[in-house]
């Protein structure tokens, strides 16, 4: 049983790390798109560039009528990179955080370690991996 808790704890930290990486993508796309790897032509700009991607939600780029049912609400994560990675971040946190409570380490230390992991992974992705040369 103790081994299972350790394995679940490892998965919890992996989910926390994935959430941090996802948030780094969100912030890089939203605030530093022109300094990101996503401005490269190999990425579909209509999906990645926030100045363009908003039209993916709306019929005829009107911002009045949804392009398809739920494109501005429940299925918005399918329309652009920012919303997709928000969906990933939230899902990873909803799964990872409850798993942290199963960790055999003291819960206070577990949360401190999780926060440090989150910050380190976010910084690594935002400052290094997602930054264009």
N, C-alpha and C. Protein backbone atom coordinates (compact mmCIF):
# COMPACT_ATOMS: atom_id res chain seq x y z
N UNK A 1 0.83 -1.21 0.00
CA UNK A 1 0.00 0.00 0.00
C UNK A 1 0.86 1.25 0.00
N UNK A 2 1.95 1.23 0.74
CA UNK A 2 2.85 2.38 0.80
C UNK A 2 3.48 2.66 -0.57
N UNK A 3 3.79 1.58 -1.32
CA UNK A 3 4.36 1.75 -2.66
C UNK A 3 3.37 2.44 -3.60
N UNK A 4 2.10 2.10 -3.46
CA UNK A 4 1.07 2.72 -4.28
C UNK A 4 0.99 4.21 -3.99
N UNK A 5 1.08 4.60 -2.73
CA UNK A 5 1.06 6.01 -2.37
C UNK A 5 2.24 6.76 -2.98
N UNK A 6 3.39 6.12 -2.99
CA UNK A 6 4.58 6.74 -3.58
C UNK A 6 4.40 6.93 -5.09
N UNK A 7 3.89 5.91 -5.76
CA UNK A 7 3.64 6.00 -7.20
C UNK A 7 2.61 7.09 -7.49
N UNK A 8 1.55 7.15 -6.73
CA UNK A 8 0.53 8.18 -6.91
C UNK A 8 1.11 9.57 -6.63
N UNK A 9 2.00 9.64 -5.65
CA UNK A 9 2.67 10.91 -5.35
C UNK A 9 3.53 11.38 -6.51
N UNK A 10 4.23 10.45 -7.14
CA UNK A 10 5.04 10.79 -8.31
C UNK A 10 4.15 11.29 -9.43
N UNK A 11 3.04 10.60 -9.66
CA UNK A 11 2.09 11.04 -10.68
C UNK A 11 1.54 12.43 -10.35
N UNK A 12 1.28 12.67 -9.07
CA UNK A 12 0.77 13.98 -8.66
C UNK A 12 1.75 15.08 -9.03
N UNK A 13 3.02 14.87 -8.75
CA UNK A 13 4.03 15.87 -9.08
C UNK A 13 4.18 16.03 -10.60
N UNK A 14 4.01 14.95 -11.35
CA UNK A 14 4.05 15.05 -12.81
C UNK A 14 2.88 15.88 -13.34
N UNK A 15 1.70 15.69 -12.75
CA UNK A 15 0.55 16.51 -13.14
C UNK A 15 0.78 17.98 -12.79
N UNK A 16 1.36 18.24 -11.62
CA UNK A 16 1.66 19.61 -11.23
C UNK A 16 2.67 20.23 -12.21
N UNK A 17 3.67 19.46 -12.60
CA UNK A 17 4.66 19.95 -13.56
C UNK A 17 4.02 20.23 -14.92
N UNK A 18 3.13 19.36 -15.36
CA UNK A 18 2.43 19.56 -16.63
C UNK A 18 1.55 20.81 -16.56
N UNK A 19 0.91 21.04 -15.43
CA UNK A 19 0.10 22.24 -15.26
C UNK A 19 0.97 23.49 -15.37
N UNK A 20 2.14 23.45 -14.76
CA UNK A 20 3.05 24.60 -14.82
C UNK A 20 3.52 24.86 -16.25
N UNK A 21 3.87 23.82 -16.97
CA UNK A 21 4.30 23.96 -18.36
C UNK A 21 3.16 24.53 -19.21
N UNK A 22 1.95 24.08 -18.94
CA UNK A 22 0.79 24.57 -19.68
C UNK A 22 0.56 26.05 -19.40
N UNK A 23 0.71 26.46 -18.15
CA UNK A 23 0.54 27.87 -17.83
C UNK A 23 1.64 28.72 -18.48
N UNK A 24 2.84 28.17 -18.58
CA UNK A 24 3.92 28.89 -19.27
C UNK A 24 3.57 29.10 -20.74
N UNK A 25 2.99 28.10 -21.38
CA UNK A 25 2.55 28.27 -22.77
C UNK A 25 1.49 29.36 -22.84
N UNK A 26 0.51 29.32 -21.94
CA UNK A 26 -0.54 30.35 -21.92
C UNK A 26 0.05 31.75 -21.82
N UNK A 27 0.96 31.95 -20.87
CA UNK A 27 1.53 33.28 -20.66
C UNK A 27 2.43 33.70 -21.81
N UNK A 28 3.18 32.75 -22.36
CA UNK A 28 4.07 33.08 -23.48
C UNK A 28 3.25 33.49 -24.70
N UNK A 29 2.19 32.74 -24.98
CA UNK A 29 1.33 33.07 -26.12
C UNK A 29 0.63 34.41 -25.90
N UNK A 30 0.13 34.64 -24.71
CA UNK A 30 -0.66 35.84 -24.43
C UNK A 30 0.20 37.10 -24.33
N UNK A 31 1.35 37.02 -23.67
CA UNK A 31 2.10 38.23 -23.35
C UNK A 31 3.41 38.41 -24.11
N UNK A 32 3.95 37.32 -24.67
CA UNK A 32 5.24 37.40 -25.35
C UNK A 32 5.22 36.60 -26.65
N UNK A 33 4.10 36.65 -27.34
CA UNK A 33 3.97 35.84 -28.55
C UNK A 33 5.11 36.10 -29.54
N UNK A 34 5.47 37.37 -29.75
CA UNK A 34 6.50 37.71 -30.73
C UNK A 34 7.90 37.29 -30.30
N UNK A 35 8.07 36.91 -29.05
CA UNK A 35 9.36 36.43 -28.56
C UNK A 35 9.30 34.93 -28.27
N UNK A 36 8.30 34.26 -28.84
CA UNK A 36 8.10 32.84 -28.55
C UNK A 36 8.42 31.96 -29.75
N UNK A 37 8.57 30.69 -29.47
CA UNK A 37 8.80 29.72 -30.56
C UNK A 37 7.56 29.57 -31.42
N UNK A 38 6.41 30.01 -30.95
CA UNK A 38 5.15 29.79 -31.65
C UNK A 38 4.96 30.72 -32.85
N UNK A 39 5.75 31.78 -32.94
CA UNK A 39 5.64 32.67 -34.08
C UNK A 39 6.27 32.06 -35.34
N UNK A 40 6.97 30.97 -35.17
CA UNK A 40 7.60 30.26 -36.29
C UNK A 40 6.52 29.77 -37.25
N UNK A 41 6.82 29.81 -38.53
CA UNK A 41 5.85 29.44 -39.57
C UNK A 41 5.38 27.99 -39.48
N UNK A 42 6.15 27.13 -38.80
CA UNK A 42 5.72 25.73 -38.70
C UNK A 42 4.49 25.56 -37.81
N UNK A 43 4.18 26.59 -37.03
CA UNK A 43 2.98 26.57 -36.20
C UNK A 43 1.84 27.26 -36.94
N UNK A 44 0.66 26.71 -36.84
CA UNK A 44 -0.52 27.29 -37.50
C UNK A 44 -0.90 28.57 -36.78
N UNK A 45 -0.60 29.71 -37.38
CA UNK A 45 -0.76 31.01 -36.73
C UNK A 45 -2.20 31.31 -36.32
N UNK A 46 -3.16 30.87 -37.09
CA UNK A 46 -4.56 31.12 -36.77
C UNK A 46 -4.95 30.46 -35.44
N UNK A 47 -4.18 29.47 -35.01
CA UNK A 47 -4.43 28.79 -33.74
C UNK A 47 -3.56 29.37 -32.62
N UNK A 48 -2.32 29.73 -32.93
CA UNK A 48 -1.36 30.14 -31.90
C UNK A 48 -1.32 31.65 -31.64
N UNK A 49 -1.47 32.46 -32.65
CA UNK A 49 -1.35 33.91 -32.49
C UNK A 49 -2.66 34.48 -31.90
N UNK A 50 -2.59 35.03 -30.69
CA UNK A 50 -3.82 35.53 -30.06
C UNK A 50 -4.46 36.70 -30.81
N UNK A 51 -3.68 37.39 -31.64
CA UNK A 51 -4.26 38.46 -32.44
C UNK A 51 -5.11 37.93 -33.58
N UNK A 52 -4.92 36.66 -33.92
CA UNK A 52 -5.67 36.02 -35.00
C UNK A 52 -6.67 34.98 -34.49
N UNK A 53 -6.30 34.27 -33.45
CA UNK A 53 -7.04 33.08 -33.04
C UNK A 53 -8.43 33.34 -32.48
N UNK A 54 -8.69 34.54 -32.03
CA UNK A 54 -10.01 34.84 -31.46
C UNK A 54 -11.12 34.60 -32.48
N UNK A 55 -10.81 34.74 -33.77
CA UNK A 55 -11.85 34.55 -34.80
C UNK A 55 -12.30 33.10 -34.91
N UNK A 56 -11.52 32.17 -34.35
CA UNK A 56 -11.88 30.75 -34.43
C UNK A 56 -13.16 30.43 -33.66
N UNK A 57 -13.55 31.30 -32.77
CA UNK A 57 -14.75 31.09 -31.96
C UNK A 57 -16.02 31.59 -32.65
N UNK A 58 -15.86 32.49 -33.60
CA UNK A 58 -17.00 33.25 -34.09
C UNK A 58 -17.26 33.04 -35.58
N UNK A 59 -18.53 32.94 -35.91
CA UNK A 59 -18.95 32.83 -37.30
C UNK A 59 -18.69 34.17 -37.99
N UNK A 60 -18.05 34.12 -39.12
CA UNK A 60 -17.75 35.32 -39.91
C UNK A 60 -16.99 36.38 -39.11
N UNK A 61 -16.21 35.97 -38.12
CA UNK A 61 -15.42 36.89 -37.28
C UNK A 61 -16.26 38.01 -36.68
N UNK A 62 -17.52 37.73 -36.41
CA UNK A 62 -18.45 38.76 -35.96
C UNK A 62 -18.39 39.02 -34.46
N UNK A 63 -17.94 38.05 -33.69
CA UNK A 63 -17.96 38.10 -32.23
C UNK A 63 -19.39 38.21 -31.71
N UNK A 64 -20.35 37.79 -32.53
CA UNK A 64 -21.76 37.80 -32.13
C UNK A 64 -22.36 36.41 -32.14
N UNK A 65 -21.99 35.63 -33.16
CA UNK A 65 -22.57 34.30 -33.31
C UNK A 65 -21.45 33.26 -33.29
N UNK A 66 -21.61 32.25 -32.44
CA UNK A 66 -20.59 31.21 -32.33
C UNK A 66 -20.40 30.49 -33.66
N UNK A 67 -19.14 30.11 -33.92
CA UNK A 67 -18.82 29.37 -35.14
C UNK A 67 -19.49 28.01 -35.13
N UNK A 68 -19.52 27.38 -33.96
CA UNK A 68 -20.23 26.12 -33.76
C UNK A 68 -20.74 26.10 -32.33
N UNK A 69 -21.69 25.26 -32.05
CA UNK A 69 -22.30 25.21 -30.71
C UNK A 69 -21.23 25.00 -29.64
N UNK A 70 -21.13 25.92 -28.72
CA UNK A 70 -20.17 25.83 -27.63
C UNK A 70 -18.79 26.37 -27.94
N UNK A 71 -18.59 26.97 -29.11
CA UNK A 71 -17.25 27.43 -29.48
C UNK A 71 -16.74 28.58 -28.62
N UNK A 72 -17.62 29.26 -27.92
CA UNK A 72 -17.17 30.33 -27.03
C UNK A 72 -17.36 29.96 -25.56
N UNK A 73 -17.81 28.72 -25.32
CA UNK A 73 -18.04 28.29 -23.93
C UNK A 73 -17.42 26.92 -23.69
N UNK A 74 -18.21 25.89 -23.68
CA UNK A 74 -17.75 24.57 -23.27
C UNK A 74 -16.66 23.97 -24.18
N UNK A 75 -16.68 24.30 -25.47
CA UNK A 75 -15.68 23.77 -26.40
C UNK A 75 -14.66 24.81 -26.83
N UNK A 76 -14.54 25.89 -26.08
CA UNK A 76 -13.62 26.96 -26.44
C UNK A 76 -12.17 26.45 -26.50
N UNK A 77 -11.86 25.40 -25.75
CA UNK A 77 -10.49 24.87 -25.75
C UNK A 77 -10.06 24.32 -27.11
N UNK A 78 -11.01 24.11 -28.00
CA UNK A 78 -10.68 23.61 -29.34
C UNK A 78 -10.37 24.74 -30.32
N UNK A 79 -10.53 25.98 -29.90
CA UNK A 79 -10.45 27.09 -30.84
C UNK A 79 -9.09 27.78 -30.90
N UNK A 80 -8.32 27.74 -29.82
CA UNK A 80 -7.02 28.43 -29.85
C UNK A 80 -6.09 27.84 -28.80
N UNK A 81 -4.81 28.17 -28.95
CA UNK A 81 -3.77 27.60 -28.08
C UNK A 81 -3.96 28.01 -26.63
N UNK A 82 -4.29 29.28 -26.39
CA UNK A 82 -4.41 29.74 -25.01
C UNK A 82 -5.47 28.95 -24.26
N UNK A 83 -6.64 28.78 -24.86
CA UNK A 83 -7.71 28.04 -24.20
C UNK A 83 -7.40 26.55 -24.10
N UNK A 84 -6.72 25.99 -25.09
CA UNK A 84 -6.35 24.57 -25.01
C UNK A 84 -5.42 24.33 -23.83
N UNK A 85 -4.41 25.19 -23.68
CA UNK A 85 -3.47 24.99 -22.59
C UNK A 85 -4.06 25.37 -21.23
N UNK A 86 -5.06 26.22 -21.22
CA UNK A 86 -5.80 26.48 -19.98
C UNK A 86 -6.56 25.22 -19.58
N UNK A 87 -7.17 24.57 -20.56
CA UNK A 87 -7.87 23.30 -20.31
C UNK A 87 -6.90 22.26 -19.77
N UNK A 88 -5.71 22.15 -20.38
CA UNK A 88 -4.68 21.21 -19.91
C UNK A 88 -4.26 21.55 -18.48
N UNK A 89 -3.99 22.84 -18.22
CA UNK A 89 -3.54 23.25 -16.88
C UNK A 89 -4.58 22.90 -15.82
N UNK A 90 -5.84 23.29 -16.09
CA UNK A 90 -6.89 23.03 -15.10
C UNK A 90 -7.10 21.54 -14.89
N UNK A 91 -7.12 20.78 -15.95
CA UNK A 91 -7.31 19.33 -15.82
C UNK A 91 -6.17 18.71 -15.02
N UNK A 92 -4.95 19.11 -15.32
CA UNK A 92 -3.80 18.57 -14.59
C UNK A 92 -3.87 18.92 -13.10
N UNK A 93 -4.29 20.13 -12.79
CA UNK A 93 -4.41 20.51 -11.38
C UNK A 93 -5.55 19.77 -10.69
N UNK A 94 -6.67 19.61 -11.38
CA UNK A 94 -7.81 18.89 -10.79
C UNK A 94 -7.46 17.44 -10.50
N UNK A 95 -6.57 16.87 -11.27
CA UNK A 95 -6.13 15.48 -11.04
C UNK A 95 -4.97 15.45 -10.05
N UNK A 96 -3.99 16.32 -10.27
CA UNK A 96 -2.75 16.27 -9.49
C UNK A 96 -2.89 16.68 -8.04
N UNK A 97 -3.62 17.74 -7.78
CA UNK A 97 -3.71 18.22 -6.39
C UNK A 97 -4.36 17.21 -5.45
N UNK A 98 -5.48 16.59 -5.81
CA UNK A 98 -6.01 15.56 -4.91
C UNK A 98 -5.03 14.39 -4.68
N UNK A 99 -4.28 14.05 -5.70
CA UNK A 99 -3.30 12.97 -5.54
C UNK A 99 -2.20 13.34 -4.55
N UNK A 100 -1.90 14.64 -4.45
CA UNK A 100 -0.87 15.07 -3.50
C UNK A 100 -1.24 14.70 -2.07
N UNK A 101 -2.54 14.68 -1.78
CA UNK A 101 -2.98 14.37 -0.42
C UNK A 101 -2.76 12.90 -0.07
N UNK A 102 -2.50 12.07 -1.07
CA UNK A 102 -2.21 10.66 -0.81
C UNK A 102 -0.73 10.42 -0.56
N UNK A 103 0.07 11.45 -0.79
CA UNK A 103 1.52 11.33 -0.62
C UNK A 103 1.85 11.04 0.84
N UNK A 104 2.77 10.11 1.09
CA UNK A 104 3.10 9.76 2.48
C UNK A 104 3.88 10.83 3.24
N UNK A 105 4.37 11.85 2.53
CA UNK A 105 5.09 12.95 3.18
C UNK A 105 4.06 13.85 3.87
N UNK A 106 4.47 14.55 4.87
CA UNK A 106 3.63 15.53 5.55
C UNK A 106 2.99 16.46 4.51
N UNK A 107 1.72 16.75 4.64
CA UNK A 107 0.98 17.52 3.62
C UNK A 107 1.54 18.93 3.46
N UNK A 108 2.02 19.54 4.53
CA UNK A 108 2.60 20.88 4.42
C UNK A 108 3.84 20.83 3.53
N UNK A 109 4.72 19.86 3.80
CA UNK A 109 5.92 19.71 2.97
C UNK A 109 5.55 19.35 1.53
N UNK A 110 4.56 18.54 1.37
CA UNK A 110 4.11 18.15 0.04
C UNK A 110 3.67 19.37 -0.75
N UNK A 111 2.89 20.25 -0.13
CA UNK A 111 2.41 21.44 -0.83
C UNK A 111 3.57 22.41 -1.12
N UNK A 112 4.51 22.53 -0.21
CA UNK A 112 5.68 23.38 -0.45
C UNK A 112 6.49 22.85 -1.63
N UNK A 113 6.72 21.55 -1.63
CA UNK A 113 7.47 20.93 -2.73
C UNK A 113 6.72 21.09 -4.05
N UNK A 114 5.41 20.88 -4.02
CA UNK A 114 4.60 21.03 -5.24
C UNK A 114 4.69 22.46 -5.77
N UNK A 115 4.65 23.43 -4.87
CA UNK A 115 4.73 24.84 -5.31
C UNK A 115 6.10 25.15 -5.90
N UNK A 116 7.14 24.61 -5.31
CA UNK A 116 8.49 24.82 -5.84
C UNK A 116 8.62 24.15 -7.21
N UNK A 117 8.12 22.94 -7.34
CA UNK A 117 8.14 22.25 -8.63
C UNK A 117 7.39 23.07 -9.67
N UNK A 118 6.22 23.56 -9.31
CA UNK A 118 5.41 24.37 -10.22
C UNK A 118 6.20 25.60 -10.69
N UNK A 119 6.79 26.30 -9.75
CA UNK A 119 7.55 27.51 -10.09
C UNK A 119 8.76 27.22 -10.95
N UNK A 120 9.50 26.16 -10.63
CA UNK A 120 10.69 25.81 -11.41
C UNK A 120 10.33 25.39 -12.84
N UNK A 121 9.31 24.58 -12.97
CA UNK A 121 8.90 24.12 -14.31
C UNK A 121 8.36 25.29 -15.12
N UNK A 122 7.54 26.12 -14.51
CA UNK A 122 7.02 27.29 -15.21
C UNK A 122 8.17 28.16 -15.73
N UNK A 123 9.12 28.46 -14.87
CA UNK A 123 10.25 29.31 -15.24
C UNK A 123 11.10 28.67 -16.33
N UNK A 124 11.36 27.39 -16.22
CA UNK A 124 12.13 26.69 -17.24
C UNK A 124 11.46 26.81 -18.60
N UNK A 125 10.17 26.54 -18.65
CA UNK A 125 9.45 26.61 -19.92
C UNK A 125 9.33 28.05 -20.42
N UNK A 126 8.92 28.95 -19.56
CA UNK A 126 8.67 30.33 -19.98
C UNK A 126 9.96 31.02 -20.42
N UNK A 127 11.02 30.88 -19.64
CA UNK A 127 12.26 31.61 -19.91
C UNK A 127 13.21 30.91 -20.88
N UNK A 128 13.12 29.61 -21.00
CA UNK A 128 14.09 28.87 -21.82
C UNK A 128 13.46 28.13 -22.99
N UNK A 129 12.58 27.20 -22.72
CA UNK A 129 12.08 26.28 -23.74
C UNK A 129 11.18 26.97 -24.75
N UNK A 130 10.35 27.88 -24.33
CA UNK A 130 9.38 28.52 -25.23
C UNK A 130 9.86 29.83 -25.83
N UNK A 131 11.05 30.26 -25.47
CA UNK A 131 11.59 31.52 -25.94
C UNK A 131 12.28 31.31 -27.29
N UNK A 132 12.01 32.21 -28.22
CA UNK A 132 12.67 32.10 -29.52
C UNK A 132 14.07 32.71 -29.42
N UNK A 133 14.90 32.29 -30.31
CA UNK A 133 16.29 32.77 -30.31
C UNK A 133 16.39 34.19 -30.79
